[in-house]
PDB file of N, CA and C in Angstrom:
ATOM      1  N   MET A   1      14.618 -32.780  15.326  1.00  0.00           N
ATOM      2  CA  MET A   1      13.736 -33.457  15.990  1.00  0.00           C
ATOM      3  C   MET A   1      12.585 -32.617  14.978  1.00  0.00           C
ATOM      4  N   LYS A   2      12.254 -31.550  14.762  1.00  0.00           N
ATOM      5  CA  LYS A   2      11.258 -30.856  13.826  1.00  0.00           C
ATOM      6  C   LYS A   2      11.324 -31.148  12.734  1.00  0.00           C
ATOM      7  N   LYS A   3      12.720 -31.301  12.057  1.00  0.00           N
ATOM      8  CA  LYS A   3      12.995 -32.176  10.526  1.00  0.00           C
ATOM      9  C   LYS A   3      12.311 -33.126  10.662  1.00  0.00           C
ATOM     10  N   PHE A   4      12.615 -34.141  11.631  1.00  0.00           N
ATOM     11  CA  PHE A   4      12.109 -35.508  11.341  1.00  0.00           C
ATOM     12  C   PHE A   4      10.735 -35.566  11.515  1.00  0.00           C
ATOM     13  N   ILE A   5      10.004 -34.469  12.388  1.00  0.00           N
ATOM     14  CA  ILE A   5       8.771 -34.879  12.154  1.00  0.00           C
ATOM     15  C   ILE A   5       7.845 -34.356  10.855  1.00  0.00           C
ATOM     16  N   ASP A   6       8.369 -33.565  10.221  1.00  0.00           N
ATOM     17  CA  ASP A   6       8.235 -32.531   9.135  1.00  0.00           C
ATOM     18  C   ASP A   6       8.335 -33.767   7.854  1.00  0.00           C
ATOM     19  N   ASN A   7       9.269 -34.760   8.132  1.00  0.00           N
ATOM     20  CA  ASN A   7       9.730 -36.067   7.329  1.00  0.00           C
ATOM     21  C   ASN A   7       8.213 -36.641   7.386  1.00  0.00           C
ATOM     22  N   VAL A   8       7.958 -36.908   8.606  1.00  0.00           N
ATOM     23  CA  VAL A   8       7.118 -38.038   9.162  1.00  0.00           C
ATOM     24  C   VAL A   8       5.312 -37.907   8.391  1.00  0.00           C
ATOM     25  N   ILE A   9       5.663 -36.269   8.567  1.00  0.00           N
ATOM     26  CA  ILE A   9       4.005 -35.716   8.104  1.00  0.00           C
ATOM     27  C   ILE A   9       4.172 -35.792   6.852  1.00  0.00           C
ATOM     28  N   ARG A  10       5.518 -35.291   5.905  1.00  0.00           N
ATOM     29  CA  ARG A  10       5.167 -35.436   4.579  1.00  0.00           C
ATOM     30  C   ARG A  10       4.674 -36.631   4.331  1.00  0.00           C
ATOM     31  N   GLU A  11       5.587 -37.423   4.813  1.00  0.00           N
ATOM     32  CA  GLU A  11       5.368 -39.248   4.261  1.00  0.00           C
ATOM     33  C   GLU A  11       4.011 -39.769   4.180  1.00  0.00           C
ATOM     34  N   LYS A  12       3.388 -39.403   5.598  1.00  0.00           N
ATOM     35  CA  LYS A  12       1.959 -39.594   5.844  1.00  0.00           C
ATOM     36  C   LYS A  12       0.876 -39.105   4.565  1.00  0.00           C
ATOM     37  N   LYS A  13       1.281 -37.749   4.289  1.00  0.00           N
ATOM     38  CA  LYS A  13       0.617 -37.088   3.243  1.00  0.00           C
ATOM     39  C   LYS A  13       0.761 -37.945   1.950  1.00  0.00           C
ATOM     40  N   ASP A  14       1.874 -38.305   1.577  1.00  0.00           N
ATOM     41  CA  ASP A  14       2.047 -38.908   0.168  1.00  0.00           C
ATOM     42  C   ASP A  14       1.095 -40.257   0.368  1.00  0.00           C
ATOM     43  N   GLN A  15       1.713 -40.966   1.492  1.00  0.00           N
ATOM     44  CA  GLN A  15       0.664 -42.352   1.728  1.00  0.00           C
ATOM     45  C   GLN A  15      -0.823 -42.248   1.411  1.00  0.00           C
ATOM     46  N   PHE A  16      -1.164 -41.024   1.941  1.00  0.00           N
ATOM     47  CA  PHE A  16      -2.876 -40.666   1.705  1.00  0.00           C
ATOM     48  C   PHE A  16      -2.978 -40.609   0.529  1.00  0.00           C
ATOM     49  N   LYS A  17      -2.369 -40.066  -0.129  1.00  0.00           N
ATOM     50  CA  LYS A  17      -2.712 -39.471  -1.402  1.00  0.00           C
ATOM     51  C   LYS A  17      -2.974 -40.528  -2.289  1.00  0.00           C
ATOM     52  N   ALA A  18      -1.678 -41.526  -2.191  1.00  0.00           N
ATOM     53  CA  ALA A  18      -1.818 -42.859  -2.770  1.00  0.00           C
ATOM     54  C   ALA A  18      -3.385 -43.528  -3.010  1.00  0.00           C
ATOM     55  N   ILE A  19      -3.269 -43.564  -1.365  1.00  0.00           N
ATOM     56  CA  ILE A  19      -4.531 -44.360  -1.158  1.00  0.00           C
ATOM     57  C   ILE A  19      -5.468 -43.890  -1.371  1.00  0.00           C
ATOM     58  N   MET A  20      -5.980 -42.642  -1.429  1.00  0.00           N
ATOM     59  CA  MET A  20      -7.151 -42.190  -1.695  1.00  0.00           C
ATOM     60  C   MET A  20      -7.193 -42.151  -3.448  1.00  0.00           C
ATOM     61  N   GLY A  21      -6.094 -42.158  -4.122  1.00  0.00           N
ATOM     62  CA  GLY A  21      -5.702 -42.312  -5.739  1.00  0.00           C
ATOM     63  C   GLY A  21      -6.427 -43.767  -6.346  1.00  0.00           C
ATOM     64  N   LYS A  22      -6.025 -44.633  -5.485  1.00  0.00           N
ATOM     65  CA  LYS A  22      -6.481 -46.277  -5.594  1.00  0.00           C
ATOM     66  C   LYS A  22      -7.742 -45.878  -4.970  1.00  0.00           C
ATOM     67  N   GLU A  23      -8.366 -45.494  -4.332  1.00  0.00           N
ATOM     68  CA  GLU A  23     -10.024 -45.752  -4.443  1.00  0.00           C
ATOM     69  C   GLU A  23     -10.523 -45.315  -5.454  1.00  0.00           C
ATOM     70  N   GLN A  24     -10.039 -43.827  -6.298  1.00  0.00           N
ATOM     71  CA  GLN A  24     -10.565 -42.872  -6.967  1.00  0.00           C
ATOM     72  C   GLN A  24     -10.563 -43.913  -8.270  1.00  0.00           C
ATOM     73  N   ARG A  25      -9.581 -44.704  -8.452  1.00  0.00           N
ATOM     74  CA  ARG A  25      -9.641 -45.758  -9.633  1.00  0.00           C
ATOM     75  C   ARG A  25     -10.399 -46.932  -9.177  1.00  0.00           C
ATOM     76  N   VAL A  26     -10.936 -47.310  -8.449  1.00  0.00           N
ATOM     77  CA  VAL A  26     -11.636 -48.420  -7.831  1.00  0.00           C
ATOM     78  C   VAL A  26     -12.976 -47.916  -8.359  1.00  0.00           C
ATOM     79  N   GLU A  27     -13.384 -47.029  -7.731  1.00  0.00           N
ATOM     80  CA  GLU A  27     -14.750 -46.152  -7.821  1.00  0.00           C
ATOM     81  C   GLU A  27     -15.150 -46.058  -9.587  1.00  0.00           C
ATOM     82  N   ASN A  28     -13.791 -45.384 -10.362  1.00  0.00           N
ATOM     83  CA  ASN A  28     -14.071 -45.687 -11.729  1.00  0.00           C
ATOM     84  C   ASN A  28     -14.253 -46.732 -12.379  1.00  0.00           C
ATOM     85  N   MET A  29     -13.647 -47.910 -12.035  1.00  0.00           N
ATOM     86  CA  MET A  29     -14.007 -49.092 -12.668  1.00  0.00           C
ATOM     87  C   MET A  29     -15.329 -49.711 -12.444  1.00  0.00           C
ATOM     88  N   ILE A  30     -15.345 -49.407 -11.129  1.00  0.00           N
ATOM     89  CA  ILE A  30     -16.926 -49.950 -10.892  1.00  0.00           C
ATOM     90  C   ILE A  30     -17.813 -49.447 -11.790  1.00  0.00           C
ATOM     91  N   GLU A  31     -17.785 -48.252 -11.852  1.00  0.00           N
ATOM     92  CA  GLU A  31     -18.537 -47.140 -12.534  1.00  0.00           C
ATOM     93  C   GLU A  31     -18.775 -47.692 -14.061  1.00  0.00           C
ATOM     94  N   ASP A  32     -17.317 -47.804 -14.805  1.00  0.00           N
ATOM     95  CA  ASP A  32     -17.083 -48.657 -16.239  1.00  0.00           C
ATOM     96  C   ASP A  32     -17.808 -50.142 -16.275  1.00  0.00           C
ATOM     97  N   LEU A  33     -17.563 -50.754 -15.279  1.00  0.00           N
ATOM     98  CA  LEU A  33     -18.132 -52.223 -14.935  1.00  0.00           C
ATOM     99  C   LEU A  33     -19.852 -52.198 -15.339  1.00  0.00           C
ATOM    100  N   LYS A  34     -20.410 -51.081 -14.565  1.00  0.00           N
ATOM    101  CA  LYS A  34     -21.844 -51.040 -14.459  1.00  0.00           C
ATOM    102  C   LYS A  34     -22.251 -50.748 -16.078  1.00  0.00           C
ATOM    103  N   ASN A  35     -21.416 -50.102 -16.583  1.00  0.00           N
ATOM    104  CA  ASN A  35     -21.497 -49.258 -17.903  1.00  0.00           C
ATOM    105  C   ASN A  35     -21.639 -50.909 -19.064  1.00  0.00           C
ATOM    106  N   LEU A  36     -21.106 -51.655 -18.633  1.00  0.00           N
ATOM    107  CA  LEU A  36     -20.741 -52.448 -19.679  1.00  0.00           C
ATOM    108  C   LEU A  36     -22.210 -53.576 -19.805  1.00  0.00           C
ATOM    109  N   ASN A  37     -22.632 -53.853 -18.688  1.00  0.00           N
ATOM    110  CA  ASN A  37     -24.083 -54.125 -18.727  1.00  0.00           C
ATOM    111  C   ASN A  37     -23.775 -55.564 -19.044  1.00  0.00           C
ATOM    112  N   LEU A  38     -22.807 -56.359 -18.138  1.00  0.00           N
ATOM    113  CA  LEU A  38     -22.228 -57.919 -18.132  1.00  0.00           C
ATOM    114  C   LEU A  38     -23.347 -58.940 -17.708  1.00  0.00           C
ATOM    115  N   SER A  39     -23.170 -60.114 -18.130  1.00  0.00           N
ATOM    116  CA  SER A  39     -24.390 -61.132 -17.412  1.00  0.00           C
ATOM    117  C   SER A  39     -23.720 -61.309 -16.221  1.00  0.00           C
ATOM    118  N   ASN A  40     -24.464 -61.743 -15.225  1.00  0.00           N
ATOM    119  CA  ASN A  40     -23.832 -62.040 -13.842  1.00  0.00           C
ATOM    120  C   ASN A  40     -22.895 -62.833 -14.020  1.00  0.00           C
ATOM    121  N   GLU A  41     -22.853 -64.049 -14.566  1.00  0.00           N
ATOM    122  CA  GLU A  41     -21.856 -64.811 -14.658  1.00  0.00           C
ATOM    123  C   GLU A  41     -20.543 -64.077 -15.104  1.00  0.00           C
ATOM    124  N   LYS A  42     -20.654 -63.197 -16.420  1.00  0.00           N
ATOM    125  CA  LYS A  42     -19.262 -62.578 -16.636  1.00  0.00           C
ATOM    126  C   LYS A  42     -18.605 -61.618 -15.555  1.00  0.00           C
ATOM    127  N   LEU A  43     -19.750 -61.214 -14.618  1.00  0.00           N
ATOM    128  CA  LEU A  43     -19.417 -59.774 -13.744  1.00  0.00           C
ATOM    129  C   LEU A  43     -18.452 -60.774 -12.690  1.00  0.00           C
ATOM    130  N   GLU A  44     -18.968 -62.105 -12.236  1.00  0.00           N
ATOM    131  CA  GLU A  44     -18.436 -62.778 -11.204  1.00  0.00           C
ATOM    132  C   GLU A  44     -17.181 -63.158 -11.761  1.00  0.00           C
ATOM    133  N   GLU A  45     -16.961 -63.244 -12.808  1.00  0.00           N
ATOM    134  CA  GLU A  45     -15.607 -63.426 -13.295  1.00  0.00           C
ATOM    135  C   GLU A  45     -14.722 -62.460 -13.149  1.00  0.00           C
ATOM    136  N   VAL A  46     -15.120 -61.260 -13.528  1.00  0.00           N
ATOM    137  CA  VAL A  46     -14.206 -60.052 -13.270  1.00  0.00           C
ATOM    138  C   VAL A  46     -13.934 -59.873 -11.652  1.00  0.00           C
ATOM    139  N   ILE A  47     -15.103 -60.088 -11.057  1.00  0.00           N
ATOM    140  CA  ILE A  47     -14.609 -60.207  -9.849  1.00  0.00           C
ATOM    141  C   ILE A  47     -13.935 -60.783  -9.001  1.00  0.00           C
ATOM    142  N   LYS A  48     -13.594 -61.815  -9.402  1.00  0.00           N
ATOM    143  CA  LYS A  48     -12.634 -63.060  -9.040  1.00  0.00           C
ATOM    144  C   LYS A  48     -11.258 -62.461  -9.348  1.00  0.00           C
ATOM    145  N   VAL A  49     -11.126 -62.297 -10.864  1.00  0.00           N
ATOM    146  CA  VAL A  49      -9.735 -61.662 -11.127  1.00  0.00           C
ATOM    147  C   VAL A  49      -9.460 -60.263 -10.407  1.00  0.00           C
ATOM    148  N   ALA A  50     -10.339 -59.460 -10.260  1.00  0.00           N
ATOM    149  CA  ALA A  50     -10.092 -58.431  -9.626  1.00  0.00           C
ATOM    150  C   ALA A  50      -9.416 -58.725  -7.886  1.00  0.00           C
ATOM    151  N   ARG A  51     -10.189 -59.362  -7.230  1.00  0.00           N
ATOM    152  CA  ARG A  51      -9.726 -59.661  -5.801  1.00  0.00           C
ATOM    153  C   ARG A  51      -8.152 -60.363  -5.820  1.00  0.00           C
ATOM    154  N   LYS A  52      -8.036 -60.926  -6.991  1.00  0.00           N
ATOM    155  CA  LYS A  52      -6.856 -61.664  -6.836  1.00  0.00           C
ATOM    156  C   LYS A  52      -5.540 -60.311  -6.563  1.00  0.00           C
ATOM    157  N   TYR A  53      -6.180 -59.125  -7.137  1.00  0.00           N
ATOM    158  CA  TYR A  53      -4.831 -58.269  -7.298  1.00  0.00           C
ATOM    159  C   TYR A  53      -5.222 -56.779  -6.318  1.00  0.00           C
ATOM    160  N   VAL A  54      -6.486 -56.888  -5.794  1.00  0.00           N
ATOM    161  CA  VAL A  54      -6.521 -55.753  -4.671  1.00  0.00           C
ATOM    162  C   VAL A  54      -6.300 -56.390  -3.814  1.00  0.00           C
TER     163      VAL A  54
END
């Protein structure tokens, strides 16, 4: 039973790390997009594409 619990905890830690990694990448992408100084029209186009994949 203890081994099962340890495996579940390890699995949840890995899932959490993956989620946090995705959040960090998204935050970095947002900063990069801000630095590009795109027009609102282009920015809306980028957001539409991003929503498909997120």
